[in-house]
Amino acid sequence: MEHISRSIEIAATPELVFALVSRLERMGEFSPENTGGEWVRGATGPAVGARFKGANARGSHTWTTLATVATYLPPTKFSFDVTAGPFKVATWTFAIEATHEGCRVTESSLDRRGRFVKLFEKGGGDRMAFTAVSIETTLAKLKAAAEA
């Protein structure tokens, strides 16, 4: 399993930032790959165990995943486990720490795919390098939105 983590300082309250990262409707604004999502199986919002269908696009490839909220601790931590069919894909985490100027946000991705699943990955290329850039892009856009 491979892990990537990046952090950014944001001049906004942890509560505001947490509200942004835990709202599916907003994620498509920040991520270069995720285009949004919808709560499924009776879920109406974030809570531990709640599930959502995530929509993704990379180049001309599009796909969906199923995610389950693993951690929901406002305003400090939001994480979810992603699967595609029966396969584990990743765990994504947003950790938020209060600072004197606002907060420090750390976004992490733990790649949980096995070798077999990686053979059929959509989008091709170096996934871990893409994930690092994706996290940096997401954090920069999150910062811009939170500080606006």
Protein backbone atom coordinates (compact mmCIF):
# COMPACT_ATOMS: atom_id res chain seq x y z
CA MET A 1 0.00 0.00 0.00
CA GLU A 2 1.24 3.46 -0.88
CA HIS A 3 0.47 6.62 1.09
CA ILE A 4 0.60 10.24 -0.05
CA SER A 5 -0.09 13.27 2.14
CA ARG A 6 0.09 17.01 1.58
CA SER A 7 -0.80 19.98 3.81
CA ILE A 8 -1.75 23.63 3.37
CA GLU A 9 -2.41 26.57 5.67
CA ILE A 10 -5.84 28.15 5.21
CA ALA A 11 -6.96 31.47 6.70
CA ALA A 12 -10.42 30.17 7.62
CA THR A 13 -11.97 28.44 10.60
CA PRO A 14 -11.71 24.65 10.91
CA GLU A 15 -15.53 24.54 10.95
CA LEU A 16 -15.80 26.26 7.57
CA VAL A 17 -13.14 24.08 5.97
CA PHE A 18 -14.64 20.91 7.41
CA ALA A 19 -18.04 21.87 6.00
CA LEU A 20 -16.47 22.28 2.56
CA VAL A 21 -14.59 18.94 2.47
CA SER A 22 -17.51 16.93 3.83
CA ARG A 23 -20.08 18.19 1.29
CA LEU A 24 -20.20 15.98 -1.80
CA GLU A 25 -21.80 18.77 -3.81
CA ARG A 26 -18.64 20.87 -3.44
CA MET A 27 -15.93 18.26 -4.04
CA GLY A 28 -16.18 18.51 -7.82
CA GLU A 29 -15.17 22.18 -7.49
CA PHE A 30 -11.88 21.27 -5.85
CA SER A 31 -10.72 17.91 -7.23
CA PRO A 32 -9.23 17.48 -10.71
CA GLU A 33 -10.59 13.91 -10.81
CA ASN A 34 -13.74 13.68 -8.71
CA THR A 35 -16.69 15.37 -10.39
CA GLY A 36 -19.14 15.02 -7.51
CA GLY A 37 -21.19 12.42 -5.78
CA GLU A 38 -24.50 11.47 -4.30
CA TRP A 39 -25.51 9.89 -1.01
CA VAL A 40 -26.94 6.38 -1.48
CA ARG A 41 -28.57 3.54 0.44
CA GLY A 42 -30.63 5.85 2.62
CA ALA A 43 -27.82 8.25 3.55
CA THR A 44 -28.67 11.95 3.38
CA GLY A 45 -25.37 13.41 4.57
CA PRO A 46 -22.03 12.60 6.12
CA ALA A 47 -21.97 10.25 9.12
CA VAL A 48 -19.88 7.22 10.00
CA GLY A 49 -21.13 4.35 7.86
CA ALA A 50 -22.95 6.59 5.36
CA ARG A 51 -22.30 5.64 1.74
CA PHE A 52 -21.99 7.70 -1.38
CA LYS A 53 -21.46 7.10 -5.06
CA GLY A 54 -18.53 9.13 -6.38
CA ALA A 55 -18.29 10.21 -10.00
CA ASN A 56 -14.82 10.54 -11.49
CA ALA A 57 -13.17 11.54 -14.75
CA ARG A 58 -9.58 11.51 -15.92
CA GLY A 59 -9.06 12.42 -19.52
CA SER A 60 -11.73 10.65 -21.55
CA HIS A 61 -12.18 7.92 -18.93
CA THR A 62 -15.11 8.15 -16.54
CA TRP A 63 -16.10 5.82 -13.71
CA THR A 64 -17.94 5.62 -10.44
CA THR A 65 -16.94 4.27 -7.06
CA LEU A 66 -18.73 3.50 -3.83
CA ALA A 67 -17.40 5.16 -0.69
CA THR A 68 -18.20 4.62 2.96
CA VAL A 69 -17.56 7.34 5.53
CA ALA A 70 -15.02 5.91 7.98
CA THR A 71 -14.43 8.95 10.19
CA TYR A 72 -16.70 11.93 10.79
CA LEU A 73 -15.34 14.13 13.60
CA PRO A 74 -16.35 17.76 12.95
CA PRO A 75 -14.33 19.92 12.64
CA THR A 76 -11.13 17.87 12.77
CA LYS A 77 -11.30 14.74 10.59
CA PHE A 78 -13.27 13.35 7.67
CA SER A 79 -12.27 10.13 5.94
CA PHE A 80 -13.84 7.61 3.62
CA ASP A 81 -13.00 4.21 2.16
CA VAL A 82 -13.45 3.81 -1.59
CA THR A 83 -14.30 0.60 -3.42
CA ALA A 84 -14.97 -0.32 -7.03
CA GLY A 85 -17.12 -3.40 -7.15
CA PRO A 86 -15.57 -5.90 -4.74
CA PHE A 87 -12.16 -4.22 -4.82
CA LYS A 88 -10.68 -1.86 -2.24
CA VAL A 89 -9.37 1.28 -3.93
CA ALA A 90 -8.25 3.86 -1.39
CA THR A 91 -8.83 5.61 1.89
CA TRP A 92 -9.01 9.40 1.65
CA THR A 93 -8.60 11.56 4.75
CA PHE A 94 -8.91 15.26 5.49
CA ALA A 95 -7.37 16.21 8.85
CA ILE A 96 -7.87 19.78 10.07
CA GLU A 97 -5.89 21.43 12.87
CA ALA A 98 -6.65 24.90 14.24
CA THR A 99 -3.81 27.43 13.95
CA HIS A 100 -3.43 31.06 14.99
CA GLU A 101 -4.32 32.22 11.46
CA GLY A 102 -7.04 29.65 10.74
CA CYS A 103 -6.19 26.00 10.15
CA ARG A 104 -3.80 23.53 8.62
CA VAL A 105 -5.45 20.98 6.34
CA THR A 106 -3.78 17.70 5.49
CA GLU A 107 -5.24 15.56 2.73
CA SER A 108 -4.03 11.97 2.54
CA SER A 109 -4.59 9.06 0.24
CA LEU A 110 -3.80 5.45 1.09
CA ASP A 111 -3.81 3.35 -2.09
CA ARG A 112 -5.39 0.01 -1.16
CA ARG A 113 -5.52 -1.54 -4.63
CA GLY A 114 -3.84 -4.86 -5.27
CA ARG A 115 -1.63 -5.59 -8.27
CA PHE A 116 -4.50 -7.21 -10.17
CA VAL A 117 -6.76 -4.16 -9.82
CA LYS A 118 -3.96 -1.79 -10.90
CA LEU A 119 -3.73 -3.64 -14.22
CA PHE A 120 -7.25 -2.45 -15.11
CA GLU A 121 -7.01 1.09 -13.76
CA LYS A 122 -8.78 3.79 -15.73
CA GLY A 123 -6.67 6.73 -16.87
CA GLY A 124 -3.33 4.92 -17.03
CA GLY A 125 -0.03 6.56 -16.20
CA ASP A 126 1.70 6.92 -12.86
CA ARG A 127 -1.20 6.89 -10.40
CA MET A 128 0.82 7.95 -7.36
CA ALA A 129 2.36 10.94 -9.15
CA PHE A 130 -1.11 11.92 -10.36
CA THR A 131 -2.51 11.56 -6.83
CA ALA A 132 0.17 13.86 -5.41
CA VAL A 133 -0.65 16.57 -7.97
CA SER A 134 -4.38 15.97 -7.48
CA ILE A 135 -4.08 16.50 -3.72
CA GLU A 136 -2.05 19.68 -4.22
CA THR A 137 -4.64 20.98 -6.70
CA THR A 138 -7.54 20.08 -4.40
CA LEU A 139 -5.93 21.82 -1.43
CA ALA A 140 -5.15 24.96 -3.44
CA LYS A 141 -8.74 25.20 -4.69
CA LEU A 142 -10.09 24.47 -1.20
CA LYS A 143 -7.93 27.30 0.17
CA ALA A 144 -9.20 29.72 -2.47
CA ALA A 145 -12.83 28.83 -1.77
CA ALA A 146 -12.46 28.96 2.02
CA GLU A 147 -10.64 32.29 1.98
CA ALA A 148 -13.03 33.94 -0.50
